[in-house]
Amino acid sequence: MAAAYYNKLTGTNNAKSAGTEVDVPGETLQERYERIGRPTNTIDVMKGVGIDAGGFRRTQLTESMLDKYDLVISMTQKEYTPTWLSANPKYRFWNVEDPGGRGYESTKSAFNEIRPMVQELIEEID
């Protein structure tokens, strides 16, 4: 949600999204929700701000990818963050609780936490 919102606000495609544990890399968000039988809460929340997230492809973050980025923001709980990531000087942690499996309102709440963080990041790098 953060990368998509960043790209929307900046009119760029500079932010990329990747996970530290992706079970099926390359799968779209819509395909994942259909496969696991989970409601499309993230897709629905993002649709509410004019972003079509259904076609977003899931990417596995690897240590070798870090050189490609100026900053890597993680919302994975710190105890589950790989050391190669948390020890990297480009790493930044945003403490946003994962809304996965907890319903639309939890997903919307998580996005509402992320929204000002993204706006502050844009101001910081401008």
Protein backbone atom coordinates (compact mmCIF):
# COMPACT_ATOMS: atom_id res chain seq x y z
CA MET A 1 0.00 0.00 0.00
CA ALA A 2 2.85 2.36 0.86
CA ALA A 3 4.66 1.98 -2.46
CA ALA A 4 1.48 2.39 -4.50
CA TYR A 5 0.45 5.46 -2.53
CA TYR A 6 3.94 6.97 -2.85
CA ASN A 7 3.87 6.46 -6.60
CA LYS A 8 0.42 8.01 -6.85
CA LEU A 9 1.40 11.10 -4.87
CA THR A 10 4.69 11.63 -6.71
CA GLY A 11 3.41 10.70 -10.16
CA THR A 12 6.33 8.30 -10.49
CA ASN A 13 6.96 4.60 -10.41
CA ASN A 14 10.02 4.98 -8.17
CA ALA A 15 8.74 2.98 -5.20
CA LYS A 16 8.68 -0.79 -5.48
CA SER A 17 7.01 -3.25 -3.16
CA ALA A 18 8.57 -6.54 -2.10
CA GLY A 19 8.09 -8.94 0.74
CA THR A 20 10.57 -10.68 3.01
CA GLU A 21 8.58 -13.92 2.70
CA VAL A 22 6.64 -14.32 -0.54
CA ASP A 23 5.22 -17.78 -1.10
CA VAL A 24 4.47 -17.36 -4.83
CA PRO A 25 6.66 -14.64 -6.42
CA GLY A 26 5.11 -13.11 -9.53
CA GLU A 27 1.56 -13.85 -8.42
CA THR A 28 -0.78 -10.86 -8.59
CA LEU A 29 -2.52 -9.67 -5.48
CA GLN A 30 -5.87 -10.66 -7.00
CA GLU A 31 -4.57 -14.15 -7.82
CA ARG A 32 -3.26 -14.57 -4.29
CA TYR A 33 -6.54 -13.63 -2.69
CA GLU A 34 -8.40 -16.02 -4.96
CA ARG A 35 -5.89 -18.83 -4.22
CA ILE A 36 -6.04 -18.50 -0.45
CA GLY A 37 -9.71 -17.57 -0.27
CA ARG A 38 -9.12 -14.27 1.50
CA PRO A 39 -11.28 -11.17 0.96
CA THR A 40 -9.71 -8.52 -1.27
CA ASN A 41 -9.41 -5.93 1.51
CA THR A 42 -6.15 -4.36 0.31
CA ILE A 43 -7.45 -4.13 -3.25
CA ASP A 44 -10.70 -2.59 -1.98
CA VAL A 45 -8.98 -0.05 0.29
CA MET A 46 -6.62 1.04 -2.47
CA LYS A 47 -9.51 1.30 -4.94
CA GLY A 48 -11.00 3.83 -2.50
CA VAL A 49 -8.03 6.15 -3.13
CA GLY A 50 -8.01 5.60 -6.89
CA ILE A 51 -5.36 2.87 -7.09
CA ASP A 52 -5.99 -0.45 -8.83
CA ALA A 53 -3.87 -2.88 -6.81
CA GLY A 54 -5.32 -6.15 -8.11
CA GLY A 55 -2.65 -6.54 -10.78
CA PHE A 56 0.30 -5.76 -8.52
CA ARG A 57 2.78 -8.63 -8.67
CA ARG A 58 4.28 -10.04 -5.50
CA THR A 59 8.08 -9.82 -5.35
CA GLN A 60 10.50 -11.55 -3.00
CA LEU A 61 13.04 -9.12 -1.53
CA THR A 62 16.59 -10.48 -1.56
CA GLU A 63 19.83 -9.16 -0.17
CA SER A 64 21.23 -8.67 -3.67
CA MET A 65 18.37 -6.27 -4.47
CA LEU A 66 19.38 -3.74 -1.79
CA ASP A 67 21.99 -2.08 -4.01
CA LYS A 68 19.20 -0.98 -6.38
CA TYR A 69 17.44 1.14 -3.75
CA ASP A 70 18.13 4.35 -1.86
CA LEU A 71 15.91 3.31 1.04
CA VAL A 72 14.17 0.10 2.08
CA ILE A 73 11.18 0.50 4.36
CA SER A 74 9.89 -2.57 6.14
CA MET A 75 6.70 -3.07 8.07
CA THR A 76 7.55 -6.68 8.87
CA GLN A 77 7.71 -7.22 12.61
CA LYS A 78 11.32 -6.64 13.67
CA GLU A 79 11.72 -10.17 15.02
CA TYR A 80 10.87 -11.54 11.54
CA THR A 81 13.09 -9.12 9.62
CA PRO A 82 16.16 -10.83 8.16
CA THR A 83 19.42 -9.60 9.70
CA TRP A 84 20.83 -8.79 6.26
CA LEU A 85 18.01 -6.26 5.94
CA SER A 86 17.85 -4.80 9.44
CA ALA A 87 21.64 -4.34 9.52
CA ASN A 88 21.68 -2.45 6.22
CA PRO A 89 22.05 1.36 6.51
CA LYS A 90 19.26 1.78 3.92
CA TYR A 91 16.78 0.00 6.19
CA ARG A 92 13.97 1.87 7.94
CA PHE A 93 11.22 0.31 10.03
CA TRP A 94 7.64 1.57 10.06
CA ASN A 95 5.65 0.12 12.93
CA VAL A 96 2.34 -0.68 11.24
CA GLU A 97 0.45 -3.74 12.37
CA ASP A 98 -0.21 -6.26 9.60
CA PRO A 99 -3.95 -6.22 8.93
CA GLY A 100 -3.82 -9.54 7.06
CA GLY A 101 -6.88 -11.65 7.69
CA ARG A 102 -8.48 -9.15 10.07
CA GLY A 103 -11.02 -7.51 7.78
CA TYR A 104 -11.59 -4.40 5.72
CA GLU A 105 -11.61 -1.96 8.64
CA SER A 106 -8.22 -3.20 9.89
CA THR A 107 -6.79 -2.86 6.39
CA LYS A 108 -8.21 0.65 6.06
CA SER A 109 -6.81 1.54 9.48
CA ALA A 110 -3.35 0.30 8.43
CA PHE A 111 -3.55 2.40 5.28
CA ASN A 112 -4.57 5.43 7.36
CA GLU A 113 -1.41 4.90 9.45
CA ILE A 114 0.74 4.55 6.34
CA ARG A 115 -0.70 7.59 4.57
CA PRO A 116 1.00 10.32 6.70
CA MET A 117 4.24 8.31 6.83
CA VAL A 118 4.39 8.33 3.04
CA GLN A 119 3.59 12.04 2.93
CA GLU A 120 6.37 12.76 5.46
CA LEU A 121 8.81 10.63 3.44
CA ILE A 122 8.03 12.62 0.29
CA GLU A 123 8.64 15.89 2.17
CA GLU A 124 11.88 14.49 3.58
CA ILE A 125 13.34 13.53 0.22
CA ASP A 126 12.20 16.66 -1.66
